[in-house]
N, C-alpha and C. Protein backbone atom coordinates (compact mmCIF):
# COMPACT_ATOMS: atom_id res chain seq x y z
N MET A 1 97.56 56.62 139.19
CA MET A 1 98.35 57.81 139.48
C MET A 1 98.79 58.50 138.19
N ARG A 2 99.18 57.65 137.19
CA ARG A 2 99.64 58.21 135.94
C ARG A 2 98.53 58.90 135.24
N ASN A 3 97.26 58.39 135.38
CA ASN A 3 96.09 59.01 134.74
C ASN A 3 95.80 60.34 135.38
N LEU A 4 95.95 60.42 136.69
CA LEU A 4 95.81 61.70 137.29
C LEU A 4 96.87 62.72 136.89
N PHE A 5 98.03 62.31 136.70
CA PHE A 5 99.13 63.18 136.30
C PHE A 5 98.80 63.71 134.86
N ASN A 6 98.40 62.82 133.96
CA ASN A 6 98.06 63.21 132.62
C ASN A 6 96.89 64.18 132.57
N TRP A 7 95.94 63.97 133.44
CA TRP A 7 94.75 64.89 133.49
C TRP A 7 95.17 66.22 133.96
N LEU A 8 96.02 66.28 135.03
CA LEU A 8 96.48 67.54 135.52
C LEU A 8 97.36 68.28 134.50
N LYS A 9 98.13 67.52 133.71
CA LYS A 9 98.94 68.15 132.69
C LYS A 9 98.05 68.78 131.60
N LYS A 10 97.03 68.05 131.17
CA LYS A 10 96.10 68.57 130.19
C LYS A 10 95.33 69.79 130.68
N PHE A 11 94.94 69.70 131.98
CA PHE A 11 94.21 70.82 132.61
C PHE A 11 95.14 72.05 132.64
N ALA A 12 96.41 71.85 132.99
CA ALA A 12 97.29 73.01 133.06
C ALA A 12 97.53 73.64 131.73
N ILE A 13 97.60 72.84 130.71
CA ILE A 13 97.78 73.38 129.31
C ILE A 13 96.50 74.16 128.91
N VAL A 14 95.33 73.64 129.17
CA VAL A 14 94.11 74.31 128.80
C VAL A 14 94.00 75.59 129.63
N LEU A 15 94.37 75.56 130.91
CA LEU A 15 94.28 76.73 131.75
C LEU A 15 95.25 77.84 131.24
N PHE A 16 96.43 77.41 130.80
CA PHE A 16 97.43 78.33 130.27
C PHE A 16 96.87 79.06 129.01
N ILE A 17 96.30 78.20 128.14
CA ILE A 17 95.75 78.75 126.89
C ILE A 17 94.59 79.73 127.16
N LEU A 18 93.70 79.36 128.09
CA LEU A 18 92.62 80.23 128.45
C LEU A 18 93.12 81.55 129.06
N SER A 19 94.11 81.42 129.90
CA SER A 19 94.73 82.62 130.56
C SER A 19 95.33 83.60 129.49
N ALA A 20 95.99 83.00 128.51
CA ALA A 20 96.61 83.78 127.47
C ALA A 20 95.53 84.52 126.70
N ILE A 21 94.46 83.80 126.41
CA ILE A 21 93.34 84.45 125.61
C ILE A 21 92.74 85.57 126.38
N ILE A 22 92.48 85.28 127.71
CA ILE A 22 91.87 86.32 128.55
C ILE A 22 92.76 87.56 128.66
N VAL A 23 94.13 87.33 128.85
CA VAL A 23 95.05 88.50 128.95
C VAL A 23 95.03 89.27 127.65
N TYR A 24 95.08 88.54 126.52
CA TYR A 24 95.09 89.25 125.22
C TYR A 24 93.79 90.07 125.03
N SER A 25 92.71 89.44 125.40
CA SER A 25 91.37 90.11 125.28
C SER A 25 91.33 91.41 126.11
N ILE A 26 91.81 91.32 127.29
CA ILE A 26 91.78 92.44 128.22
C ILE A 26 92.66 93.56 127.61
N TYR A 27 93.88 93.14 127.18
CA TYR A 27 94.81 94.13 126.58
C TYR A 27 94.23 94.81 125.35
N THR A 28 93.55 94.04 124.49
CA THR A 28 92.93 94.58 123.30
C THR A 28 91.85 95.54 123.64
N LEU A 29 91.05 95.26 124.68
CA LEU A 29 89.98 96.10 125.07
C LEU A 29 90.48 97.39 125.72
N LEU A 30 91.59 97.29 126.41
CA LEU A 30 92.16 98.48 127.12
C LEU A 30 93.02 99.33 126.23
N THR A 31 93.48 98.77 125.10
CA THR A 31 94.33 99.55 124.20
C THR A 31 93.46 100.30 123.22
N PRO A 32 93.57 101.65 123.22
CA PRO A 32 92.72 102.46 122.33
C PRO A 32 93.10 102.18 120.88
N LYS A 33 92.11 102.06 120.02
CA LYS A 33 92.31 101.82 118.60
C LYS A 33 92.88 103.09 117.98
N GLU A 34 93.95 102.95 117.15
CA GLU A 34 94.57 104.09 116.55
C GLU A 34 93.59 104.74 115.56
N ARG A 35 93.45 106.00 115.56
CA ARG A 35 92.53 106.71 114.67
C ARG A 35 93.17 108.05 114.26
N LEU A 36 93.07 108.39 112.97
CA LEU A 36 93.62 109.59 112.49
C LEU A 36 92.75 110.75 112.77
N PRO A 37 93.28 112.00 112.97
CA PRO A 37 92.44 113.12 113.15
C PRO A 37 91.74 113.53 111.87
N VAL A 38 90.63 114.23 112.09
CA VAL A 38 89.90 114.80 110.87
C VAL A 38 90.30 116.31 110.93
N TYR A 39 91.11 116.69 109.95
CA TYR A 39 91.62 118.10 110.00
C TYR A 39 90.60 119.05 109.51
N GLN A 40 90.47 120.14 110.30
CA GLN A 40 89.61 121.30 109.94
C GLN A 40 90.57 122.50 109.73
N PRO A 41 90.15 123.48 108.95
CA PRO A 41 91.00 124.60 108.70
C PRO A 41 91.53 125.30 109.89
N ASP A 42 90.78 125.36 111.03
CA ASP A 42 91.28 126.07 112.22
C ASP A 42 92.33 125.22 112.93
N MET A 43 92.55 124.01 112.50
CA MET A 43 93.63 123.10 113.06
C MET A 43 94.95 123.23 112.37
N VAL A 44 94.89 123.84 111.17
CA VAL A 44 96.13 123.88 110.34
C VAL A 44 96.81 125.22 110.42
N ASN A 45 98.11 125.21 110.24
CA ASN A 45 98.91 126.44 110.25
C ASN A 45 98.21 127.49 109.33
N VAL A 46 97.93 128.62 109.88
CA VAL A 46 97.24 129.69 109.16
C VAL A 46 97.89 130.00 107.85
N GLU A 47 99.20 129.82 107.69
CA GLU A 47 99.90 130.13 106.50
C GLU A 47 99.42 129.23 105.29
N LEU A 48 98.89 128.07 105.68
CA LEU A 48 98.45 127.10 104.66
C LEU A 48 96.98 127.18 104.32
N VAL A 49 96.24 128.11 105.07
CA VAL A 49 94.81 128.14 104.89
C VAL A 49 94.41 129.50 104.33
N ASP A 50 93.57 129.45 103.32
CA ASP A 50 92.99 130.69 102.75
C ASP A 50 92.18 131.41 103.83
N SER A 51 92.33 132.75 103.80
CA SER A 51 91.71 133.52 104.84
C SER A 51 90.20 133.34 104.93
N THR A 52 89.60 132.96 103.80
CA THR A 52 88.14 132.81 103.79
C THR A 52 87.68 131.58 104.52
N VAL A 53 88.56 130.62 104.82
CA VAL A 53 88.11 129.40 105.49
C VAL A 53 88.86 129.15 106.81
N GLN A 54 89.70 130.10 107.21
CA GLN A 54 90.51 129.89 108.45
C GLN A 54 89.62 129.69 109.68
N HIS A 55 88.42 130.22 109.66
CA HIS A 55 87.50 130.15 110.83
C HIS A 55 86.79 128.81 110.94
N VAL A 56 86.82 127.95 109.91
CA VAL A 56 86.02 126.76 109.87
C VAL A 56 86.51 125.74 110.85
N ARG A 57 85.61 125.20 111.74
CA ARG A 57 85.95 124.28 112.79
C ARG A 57 85.39 122.91 112.58
N LYS A 58 84.49 122.75 111.65
CA LYS A 58 83.92 121.41 111.41
C LYS A 58 83.28 121.32 110.05
N TYR A 59 83.07 120.11 109.60
CA TYR A 59 82.47 119.81 108.34
C TYR A 59 83.27 120.12 107.08
N HIS A 60 84.55 120.39 107.28
CA HIS A 60 85.34 120.74 106.09
C HIS A 60 85.57 119.50 105.21
N THR A 61 85.40 119.66 103.89
CA THR A 61 85.65 118.64 102.94
C THR A 61 86.29 119.19 101.71
N VAL A 62 86.84 118.30 100.89
CA VAL A 62 87.40 118.77 99.57
C VAL A 62 86.19 119.06 98.72
N LYS A 63 86.10 120.26 98.14
CA LYS A 63 84.97 120.65 97.33
C LYS A 63 85.01 119.94 96.00
N ASP A 64 83.80 119.91 95.34
CA ASP A 64 83.64 119.31 94.01
C ASP A 64 84.63 119.91 93.04
N PHE A 65 85.12 119.06 92.17
CA PHE A 65 86.03 119.59 91.13
C PHE A 65 85.73 118.93 89.79
N GLU A 66 86.22 119.59 88.72
CA GLU A 66 86.08 118.98 87.38
C GLU A 66 87.38 119.35 86.61
N LEU A 67 88.21 118.29 86.39
CA LEU A 67 89.51 118.48 85.76
C LEU A 67 89.72 117.43 84.69
N ILE A 68 90.81 117.54 83.91
CA ILE A 68 91.07 116.65 82.79
C ILE A 68 92.35 115.88 83.07
N ASN A 69 92.33 114.59 82.94
CA ASN A 69 93.51 113.82 83.23
C ASN A 69 94.43 113.57 82.01
N GLN A 70 95.49 112.81 82.19
CA GLN A 70 96.45 112.55 81.10
C GLN A 70 95.89 111.85 79.92
N ASN A 71 94.74 111.24 79.98
CA ASN A 71 94.08 110.63 78.88
C ASN A 71 92.95 111.39 78.23
N GLY A 72 92.85 112.67 78.72
CA GLY A 72 91.72 113.50 78.25
C GLY A 72 90.38 113.22 78.81
N ASP A 73 90.33 112.43 79.88
CA ASP A 73 89.11 112.12 80.54
C ASP A 73 88.76 113.16 81.58
N THR A 74 87.48 113.47 81.77
CA THR A 74 87.00 114.37 82.80
C THR A 74 87.06 113.65 84.13
N ILE A 75 87.70 114.23 85.11
CA ILE A 75 87.80 113.62 86.42
C ILE A 75 87.07 114.52 87.45
N THR A 76 86.11 113.92 88.12
CA THR A 76 85.36 114.67 89.18
C THR A 76 85.48 113.86 90.45
N GLN A 77 84.74 114.35 91.51
CA GLN A 77 84.66 113.65 92.76
C GLN A 77 84.10 112.25 92.57
N ASP A 78 83.29 112.05 91.52
CA ASP A 78 82.68 110.71 91.34
C ASP A 78 83.72 109.67 91.17
N TYR A 79 84.87 109.96 90.56
CA TYR A 79 85.94 109.07 90.32
C TYR A 79 86.52 108.55 91.61
N TYR A 80 86.47 109.35 92.64
CA TYR A 80 87.06 109.08 93.94
C TYR A 80 85.98 108.71 95.01
N LYS A 81 84.76 108.45 94.53
CA LYS A 81 83.71 108.06 95.45
C LYS A 81 84.06 106.78 96.17
N ASP A 82 83.91 106.78 97.51
CA ASP A 82 84.17 105.61 98.31
C ASP A 82 85.63 105.14 98.18
N LYS A 83 86.50 106.06 97.91
CA LYS A 83 87.97 105.78 97.82
C LYS A 83 88.72 106.66 98.75
N ILE A 84 89.84 106.13 99.25
CA ILE A 84 90.84 106.84 99.92
C ILE A 84 91.81 107.36 98.87
N TYR A 85 92.32 108.59 98.95
CA TYR A 85 93.28 108.99 97.99
C TYR A 85 94.36 109.99 98.54
N VAL A 86 95.45 110.06 97.86
CA VAL A 86 96.56 110.94 98.15
C VAL A 86 96.62 112.01 97.10
N ALA A 87 96.65 113.26 97.46
CA ALA A 87 96.64 114.36 96.49
C ALA A 87 97.93 115.18 96.65
N ASP A 88 98.44 115.71 95.54
CA ASP A 88 99.57 116.69 95.60
C ASP A 88 99.51 117.61 94.44
N PHE A 89 100.46 118.55 94.38
CA PHE A 89 100.52 119.56 93.37
C PHE A 89 101.94 119.62 92.84
N PHE A 90 102.07 119.65 91.51
CA PHE A 90 103.37 119.57 90.88
C PHE A 90 103.29 120.25 89.50
N PHE A 91 104.39 120.32 88.77
CA PHE A 91 104.40 120.63 87.33
C PHE A 91 105.54 119.90 86.66
N THR A 92 105.31 119.56 85.42
CA THR A 92 106.21 118.57 84.71
C THR A 92 107.61 119.09 84.51
N THR A 93 107.82 120.41 84.43
CA THR A 93 109.11 120.96 84.16
C THR A 93 109.89 121.37 85.44
N CYS A 94 109.31 121.12 86.54
CA CYS A 94 109.93 121.44 87.86
C CYS A 94 111.19 120.63 88.02
N LEU A 95 112.24 121.34 88.41
CA LEU A 95 113.58 120.69 88.60
C LEU A 95 114.03 120.59 90.09
N THR A 96 113.16 121.10 90.96
CA THR A 96 113.57 121.18 92.39
C THR A 96 112.89 120.02 93.14
N ILE A 97 111.76 120.37 93.79
CA ILE A 97 111.09 119.32 94.67
C ILE A 97 110.23 118.29 93.91
N CYS A 98 109.77 118.66 92.75
CA CYS A 98 108.79 117.78 92.08
C CYS A 98 109.31 116.40 91.72
N PRO A 99 110.56 116.32 91.13
CA PRO A 99 111.09 114.96 90.79
C PRO A 99 111.12 114.04 92.02
N VAL A 100 111.48 114.57 93.17
CA VAL A 100 111.57 113.72 94.41
C VAL A 100 110.11 113.37 94.80
N MET A 101 109.19 114.28 94.71
CA MET A 101 107.76 113.99 95.02
C MET A 101 107.21 112.96 94.10
N THR A 102 107.51 113.09 92.81
CA THR A 102 107.04 112.10 91.79
C THR A 102 107.59 110.74 92.15
N ASP A 103 108.84 110.61 92.48
CA ASP A 103 109.42 109.33 92.81
C ASP A 103 108.72 108.71 94.05
N HIS A 104 108.38 109.59 95.00
CA HIS A 104 107.69 109.05 96.20
C HIS A 104 106.23 108.62 95.87
N MET A 105 105.66 109.39 94.93
CA MET A 105 104.32 108.97 94.46
C MET A 105 104.43 107.59 93.79
N LEU A 106 105.47 107.43 93.01
CA LEU A 106 105.66 106.14 92.30
C LEU A 106 105.83 105.01 93.34
N ASP A 107 106.54 105.31 94.51
CA ASP A 107 106.67 104.35 95.52
C ASP A 107 105.32 103.96 96.15
N ILE A 108 104.50 104.98 96.33
CA ILE A 108 103.12 104.75 96.87
C ILE A 108 102.38 103.92 95.89
N GLN A 109 102.45 104.28 94.60
CA GLN A 109 101.70 103.54 93.55
C GLN A 109 102.08 102.09 93.61
N GLU A 110 103.31 101.80 93.73
CA GLU A 110 103.78 100.41 93.81
C GLU A 110 103.10 99.65 94.98
N GLU A 111 103.00 100.34 96.12
CA GLU A 111 102.42 99.74 97.30
C GLU A 111 100.89 99.52 97.19
N ILE A 112 100.23 100.35 96.45
CA ILE A 112 98.76 100.33 96.36
C ILE A 112 98.22 99.81 95.06
N LYS A 113 99.06 99.34 94.17
CA LYS A 113 98.63 99.02 92.84
C LYS A 113 97.56 97.91 92.80
N ASP A 114 97.56 97.10 93.81
CA ASP A 114 96.60 96.01 93.89
C ASP A 114 95.51 96.29 94.95
N ASP A 115 95.49 97.48 95.44
CA ASP A 115 94.60 97.81 96.50
C ASP A 115 93.39 98.67 95.89
N PRO A 116 92.21 98.15 95.84
CA PRO A 116 91.11 98.80 95.13
C PRO A 116 90.57 100.04 95.93
N GLU A 117 90.99 100.18 97.19
CA GLU A 117 90.46 101.21 98.02
C GLU A 117 91.24 102.59 97.87
N VAL A 118 92.44 102.52 97.31
CA VAL A 118 93.33 103.68 97.40
C VAL A 118 93.71 104.17 95.99
N LEU A 119 93.68 105.45 95.78
CA LEU A 119 94.05 106.06 94.47
C LEU A 119 94.96 107.22 94.70
N LEU A 120 95.49 107.83 93.65
CA LEU A 120 96.38 109.00 93.67
C LEU A 120 95.81 110.10 92.76
N LEU A 121 96.10 111.35 93.10
CA LEU A 121 95.67 112.50 92.31
C LEU A 121 96.67 113.62 92.31
N SER A 122 97.29 113.96 91.24
CA SER A 122 98.31 114.97 91.10
C SER A 122 97.81 116.13 90.27
N HIS A 123 97.79 117.36 90.77
CA HIS A 123 97.32 118.55 90.07
C HIS A 123 98.52 119.35 89.53
N THR A 124 98.49 119.67 88.23
CA THR A 124 99.55 120.58 87.82
C THR A 124 99.24 122.02 88.22
N VAL A 125 100.28 122.67 88.61
CA VAL A 125 100.13 124.13 88.99
C VAL A 125 100.47 125.03 87.78
N PHE A 126 100.85 124.39 86.71
CA PHE A 126 101.07 125.13 85.45
C PHE A 126 100.28 124.60 84.29
N PRO A 127 98.92 124.75 84.45
CA PRO A 127 98.03 124.16 83.44
C PRO A 127 98.22 124.72 82.04
N LYS A 128 98.74 125.99 81.94
CA LYS A 128 98.93 126.58 80.66
C LYS A 128 99.89 125.75 79.80
N THR A 129 101.01 125.20 80.42
CA THR A 129 101.96 124.41 79.74
C THR A 129 101.73 122.92 79.88
N ASP A 130 101.12 122.51 80.98
CA ASP A 130 100.95 121.06 81.24
C ASP A 130 99.57 120.68 80.58
N SER A 131 99.58 120.60 79.25
CA SER A 131 98.41 120.18 78.55
C SER A 131 98.26 118.65 78.67
N VAL A 132 97.13 118.15 78.12
CA VAL A 132 96.90 116.69 78.15
C VAL A 132 97.99 115.90 77.53
N PRO A 133 98.46 116.24 76.30
CA PRO A 133 99.60 115.51 75.73
C PRO A 133 100.86 115.55 76.57
N VAL A 134 101.17 116.74 77.17
CA VAL A 134 102.32 116.84 78.03
C VAL A 134 102.17 115.94 79.19
N LEU A 135 101.06 115.92 79.85
CA LEU A 135 100.82 115.05 81.01
C LEU A 135 100.84 113.60 80.60
N LYS A 136 100.41 113.25 79.40
CA LYS A 136 100.42 111.86 78.96
C LYS A 136 101.87 111.40 78.73
N ALA A 137 102.70 112.27 78.09
CA ALA A 137 104.09 111.94 77.88
C ALA A 137 104.82 111.71 79.20
N TYR A 138 104.53 112.63 80.15
CA TYR A 138 105.12 112.59 81.53
C TYR A 138 104.73 111.29 82.24
N ALA A 139 103.43 110.92 82.12
CA ALA A 139 102.91 109.73 82.79
C ALA A 139 103.58 108.50 82.20
N GLU A 140 103.72 108.43 80.88
CA GLU A 140 104.40 107.27 80.27
C GLU A 140 105.81 107.19 80.62
N GLU A 141 106.50 108.36 80.70
CA GLU A 141 107.93 108.36 81.15
C GLU A 141 108.14 107.87 82.50
N LYS A 142 107.21 108.22 83.39
CA LYS A 142 107.42 107.92 84.83
C LYS A 142 106.82 106.50 85.13
N GLY A 143 106.00 105.98 84.33
CA GLY A 143 105.40 104.69 84.69
C GLY A 143 104.13 104.84 85.46
N VAL A 144 103.35 105.84 85.22
CA VAL A 144 102.08 106.09 85.92
C VAL A 144 101.09 105.02 85.42
N LEU A 145 100.37 104.38 86.40
CA LEU A 145 99.30 103.45 86.03
C LEU A 145 98.02 104.23 86.01
N ASP A 146 97.40 104.25 84.83
CA ASP A 146 96.23 105.09 84.62
C ASP A 146 95.04 104.78 85.56
N GLU A 147 94.93 103.46 85.87
CA GLU A 147 93.84 103.06 86.79
C GLU A 147 94.01 103.47 88.26
N LYS A 148 95.29 103.89 88.60
CA LYS A 148 95.55 104.25 89.93
C LYS A 148 95.82 105.71 90.18
N TRP A 149 96.26 106.41 89.15
CA TRP A 149 96.85 107.73 89.33
C TRP A 149 96.41 108.69 88.27
N ASN A 150 95.76 109.70 88.63
CA ASN A 150 95.35 110.83 87.62
C ASN A 150 96.31 111.99 87.79
N LEU A 151 96.88 112.40 86.64
CA LEU A 151 97.57 113.63 86.61
C LEU A 151 96.66 114.58 85.88
N VAL A 152 96.26 115.65 86.55
CA VAL A 152 95.11 116.52 86.05
C VAL A 152 95.52 117.93 85.78
N THR A 153 94.86 118.47 84.81
CA THR A 153 95.03 119.89 84.45
C THR A 153 93.62 120.52 84.31
N GLY A 154 93.53 121.81 84.11
CA GLY A 154 92.24 122.41 84.05
C GLY A 154 92.38 123.96 84.23
N SER A 155 91.37 124.58 84.69
CA SER A 155 91.44 126.01 85.03
C SER A 155 92.41 126.31 86.16
N LYS A 156 93.38 127.18 85.91
CA LYS A 156 94.29 127.54 86.95
C LYS A 156 93.61 128.06 88.29
N LYS A 157 92.63 128.87 88.07
CA LYS A 157 91.94 129.42 89.19
C LYS A 157 91.25 128.30 89.96
N HIS A 158 90.67 127.39 89.30
CA HIS A 158 89.99 126.20 89.94
C HIS A 158 90.98 125.40 90.74
N ILE A 159 92.13 125.05 90.16
CA ILE A 159 93.17 124.27 90.76
C ILE A 159 93.73 124.96 92.04
N TYR A 160 93.98 126.26 91.82
CA TYR A 160 94.56 126.97 93.00
C TYR A 160 93.56 127.15 94.15
N GLU A 161 92.23 127.29 93.83
CA GLU A 161 91.27 127.36 94.87
C GLU A 161 91.21 126.01 95.60
N LEU A 162 91.36 124.90 94.86
CA LEU A 162 91.37 123.59 95.54
C LEU A 162 92.55 123.48 96.49
N ALA A 163 93.69 123.97 96.02
CA ALA A 163 94.91 123.89 96.85
C ALA A 163 94.75 124.66 98.12
N ARG A 164 94.20 125.86 98.05
CA ARG A 164 94.15 126.75 99.23
C ARG A 164 92.93 126.63 100.05
N LYS A 165 91.80 126.27 99.48
CA LYS A 165 90.51 126.23 100.20
C LYS A 165 90.04 124.84 100.55
N SER A 166 90.47 123.83 99.77
CA SER A 166 90.06 122.47 100.04
C SER A 166 91.12 121.66 100.68
N TYR A 167 92.32 121.60 100.02
CA TYR A 167 93.42 120.77 100.53
C TYR A 167 94.19 121.45 101.58
N LEU A 168 94.12 122.75 101.73
CA LEU A 168 94.85 123.50 102.78
C LEU A 168 96.36 123.20 102.64
N ALA A 169 96.87 123.29 101.37
CA ALA A 169 98.19 122.78 101.11
C ALA A 169 99.22 123.79 100.62
N SER A 170 98.83 125.12 100.56
CA SER A 170 99.72 126.05 99.96
C SER A 170 99.87 127.31 100.83
N LYS A 171 101.14 127.78 100.99
CA LYS A 171 101.39 128.95 101.86
C LYS A 171 101.13 130.24 101.13
N SER A 172 101.26 130.22 99.79
CA SER A 172 101.17 131.54 99.07
C SER A 172 99.68 131.97 98.94
N ASN A 173 99.54 133.28 98.78
CA ASN A 173 98.24 133.85 98.58
C ASN A 173 98.09 134.18 97.09
N GLY A 174 96.88 134.49 96.65
CA GLY A 174 96.62 134.80 95.27
C GLY A 174 95.28 134.26 94.80
N ASP A 175 94.99 134.54 93.51
CA ASP A 175 93.66 134.14 93.02
C ASP A 175 93.82 133.26 91.78
N GLY A 176 94.98 132.69 91.55
CA GLY A 176 95.18 131.89 90.36
C GLY A 176 95.44 132.71 89.11
N GLY A 177 95.91 134.00 89.28
CA GLY A 177 96.14 134.87 88.16
C GLY A 177 97.44 134.50 87.39
N PRO A 178 97.79 135.19 86.37
CA PRO A 178 98.94 134.91 85.53
C PRO A 178 100.24 134.77 86.30
N TYR A 179 100.40 135.53 87.34
CA TYR A 179 101.73 135.55 88.08
C TYR A 179 101.58 134.85 89.44
N ASP A 180 100.49 134.20 89.68
CA ASP A 180 100.27 133.47 90.93
C ASP A 180 100.96 132.10 90.80
N MET A 181 101.55 131.68 91.89
CA MET A 181 102.34 130.44 91.83
C MET A 181 102.19 129.63 93.13
N ILE A 182 101.89 128.36 92.99
CA ILE A 182 101.89 127.37 94.08
C ILE A 182 103.06 126.45 93.96
N HIS A 183 103.80 126.26 95.00
CA HIS A 183 104.91 125.35 94.98
C HIS A 183 104.92 124.72 96.36
N THR A 184 104.29 123.61 96.49
CA THR A 184 104.15 122.97 97.81
C THR A 184 104.60 121.50 97.76
N GLU A 185 105.32 121.04 98.84
CA GLU A 185 105.73 119.71 98.95
C GLU A 185 104.68 118.82 99.63
N ASN A 186 103.55 119.30 100.01
CA ASN A 186 102.65 118.60 100.78
C ASN A 186 101.91 117.47 100.04
N PHE A 187 101.87 116.29 100.61
CA PHE A 187 100.91 115.26 100.19
C PHE A 187 99.77 115.27 101.15
N VAL A 188 98.52 115.12 100.66
CA VAL A 188 97.36 115.25 101.45
C VAL A 188 96.57 113.93 101.40
N LEU A 189 96.30 113.34 102.57
CA LEU A 189 95.54 112.13 102.58
C LEU A 189 94.05 112.41 102.79
N VAL A 190 93.22 111.93 101.92
CA VAL A 190 91.75 112.25 101.90
C VAL A 190 90.98 110.97 102.09
N ASP A 191 89.98 111.00 102.96
CA ASP A 191 89.23 109.75 103.24
C ASP A 191 88.02 109.60 102.31
N LYS A 192 87.20 108.59 102.54
CA LYS A 192 86.07 108.31 101.62
C LYS A 192 84.94 109.33 101.77
N GLU A 193 84.99 110.10 102.81
CA GLU A 193 83.99 111.16 102.99
C GLU A 193 84.57 112.55 102.54
N LYS A 194 85.66 112.51 101.80
CA LYS A 194 86.33 113.74 101.25
C LYS A 194 86.90 114.63 102.34
N ARG A 195 87.20 114.01 103.52
CA ARG A 195 87.75 114.79 104.60
C ARG A 195 89.30 114.60 104.66
N ILE A 196 90.02 115.61 105.13
CA ILE A 196 91.52 115.56 105.16
C ILE A 196 91.84 114.82 106.46
N ARG A 197 92.71 113.79 106.26
CA ARG A 197 93.10 112.96 107.45
C ARG A 197 94.62 113.02 107.75
N GLY A 198 95.39 113.76 106.83
CA GLY A 198 96.81 113.86 107.21
C GLY A 198 97.56 114.67 106.14
N PHE A 199 98.73 115.29 106.60
CA PHE A 199 99.64 116.05 105.68
C PHE A 199 100.98 115.43 105.84
N TYR A 200 101.69 115.38 104.74
CA TYR A 200 103.01 114.72 104.74
C TYR A 200 103.98 115.46 103.81
N ASP A 201 105.21 115.49 104.16
CA ASP A 201 106.20 116.14 103.33
C ASP A 201 106.56 115.16 102.23
N GLY A 202 106.18 115.53 100.97
CA GLY A 202 106.40 114.61 99.88
C GLY A 202 107.86 114.41 99.44
N THR A 203 108.75 115.19 100.02
CA THR A 203 110.19 115.05 99.71
C THR A 203 110.90 114.22 100.76
N ASP A 204 110.20 113.77 101.80
CA ASP A 204 110.84 113.14 102.95
C ASP A 204 110.40 111.61 102.92
N ALA A 205 111.39 110.75 102.77
CA ALA A 205 111.10 109.35 102.71
C ALA A 205 110.45 108.79 104.01
N GLU A 206 110.85 109.32 105.19
CA GLU A 206 110.25 108.88 106.42
C GLU A 206 108.77 109.36 106.52
N ALA A 207 108.46 110.56 106.00
CA ALA A 207 107.09 110.97 105.97
C ALA A 207 106.21 110.06 105.09
N ILE A 208 106.82 109.58 104.01
CA ILE A 208 106.07 108.66 103.13
C ILE A 208 105.83 107.34 103.83
N GLU A 209 106.76 106.91 104.67
CA GLU A 209 106.50 105.67 105.46
C GLU A 209 105.31 105.95 106.42
N SER A 210 105.24 107.16 107.03
CA SER A 210 104.16 107.47 107.93
C SER A 210 102.83 107.53 107.14
N LEU A 211 102.89 108.04 105.95
CA LEU A 211 101.70 108.08 105.09
C LEU A 211 101.16 106.68 104.80
N MET A 212 102.04 105.76 104.46
CA MET A 212 101.59 104.39 104.17
C MET A 212 101.02 103.75 105.43
N HIS A 213 101.64 104.01 106.62
CA HIS A 213 101.06 103.49 107.85
C HIS A 213 99.68 104.11 108.08
N ASP A 214 99.53 105.33 107.83
CA ASP A 214 98.21 106.04 108.09
C ASP A 214 97.19 105.56 107.10
N ILE A 215 97.50 105.22 105.88
CA ILE A 215 96.54 104.67 104.93
C ILE A 215 96.00 103.41 105.51
N GLU A 216 96.82 102.53 106.07
CA GLU A 216 96.34 101.24 106.69
C GLU A 216 95.48 101.53 107.84
N VAL A 217 95.82 102.49 108.68
CA VAL A 217 95.01 102.91 109.84
C VAL A 217 93.62 103.40 109.38
N LEU A 218 93.60 104.20 108.32
CA LEU A 218 92.44 104.76 107.80
C LEU A 218 91.51 103.63 107.20
N LYS A 219 92.13 102.73 106.56
CA LYS A 219 91.36 101.62 105.96
C LYS A 219 90.59 100.82 107.07
N GLN A 220 91.21 100.73 108.21
CA GLN A 220 90.57 99.99 109.30
C GLN A 220 89.27 100.64 109.73
N GLU A 221 89.11 101.91 109.52
CA GLU A 221 87.87 102.62 109.91
C GLU A 221 86.70 102.08 109.09
N TYR A 222 86.95 101.52 107.91
CA TYR A 222 85.92 101.06 107.04
C TYR A 222 85.68 99.61 107.11
N ARG A 223 86.32 98.93 108.05
CA ARG A 223 86.10 97.52 108.18
C ARG A 223 84.90 97.21 109.08
């Protein structure tokens, strides 16, 4: 009788474990996997999109670029090949939103410093004054890790075209002329195919938490 009882007890335990596995498996199959949208220009507020690309509904990517970082190195798309990255626009003498944005970029840097899949890219909107030595001094002051984060300068027209036509991140119009000015708080999440996967307010701590969550979601697409 005792043997029968022990057998039934073991059978009940095994049945419970199998039931738990089956329920979990069914739940997993029925729960849709979280996936980030792939943003196209026609999905974004028209104020943020250059008029020449507002009609684009598919295949939008960040265009090729050639810029110079804080170490005087040429940075192109090749540097970000097969990488996820966060891009923004700033200038070193900004006293309004940029300091908060930089602090939040530093928070992101701390989270991703050991993650080989994720990088950062900050474009100066005042390339005339933000020379390589200025960017280097700023990077050293803030604690920028060269291997994780490029602060880049270059042609103003080129940078402004990237902001308006590639990253869809600026409300103002213009052609990058002497009096043209971009001042945007947007952080942009870019995937390994150079597609835009998210926009975040770089001055908002909760938005940065959402960005960190979305980076993890995006990484799962490549598993």
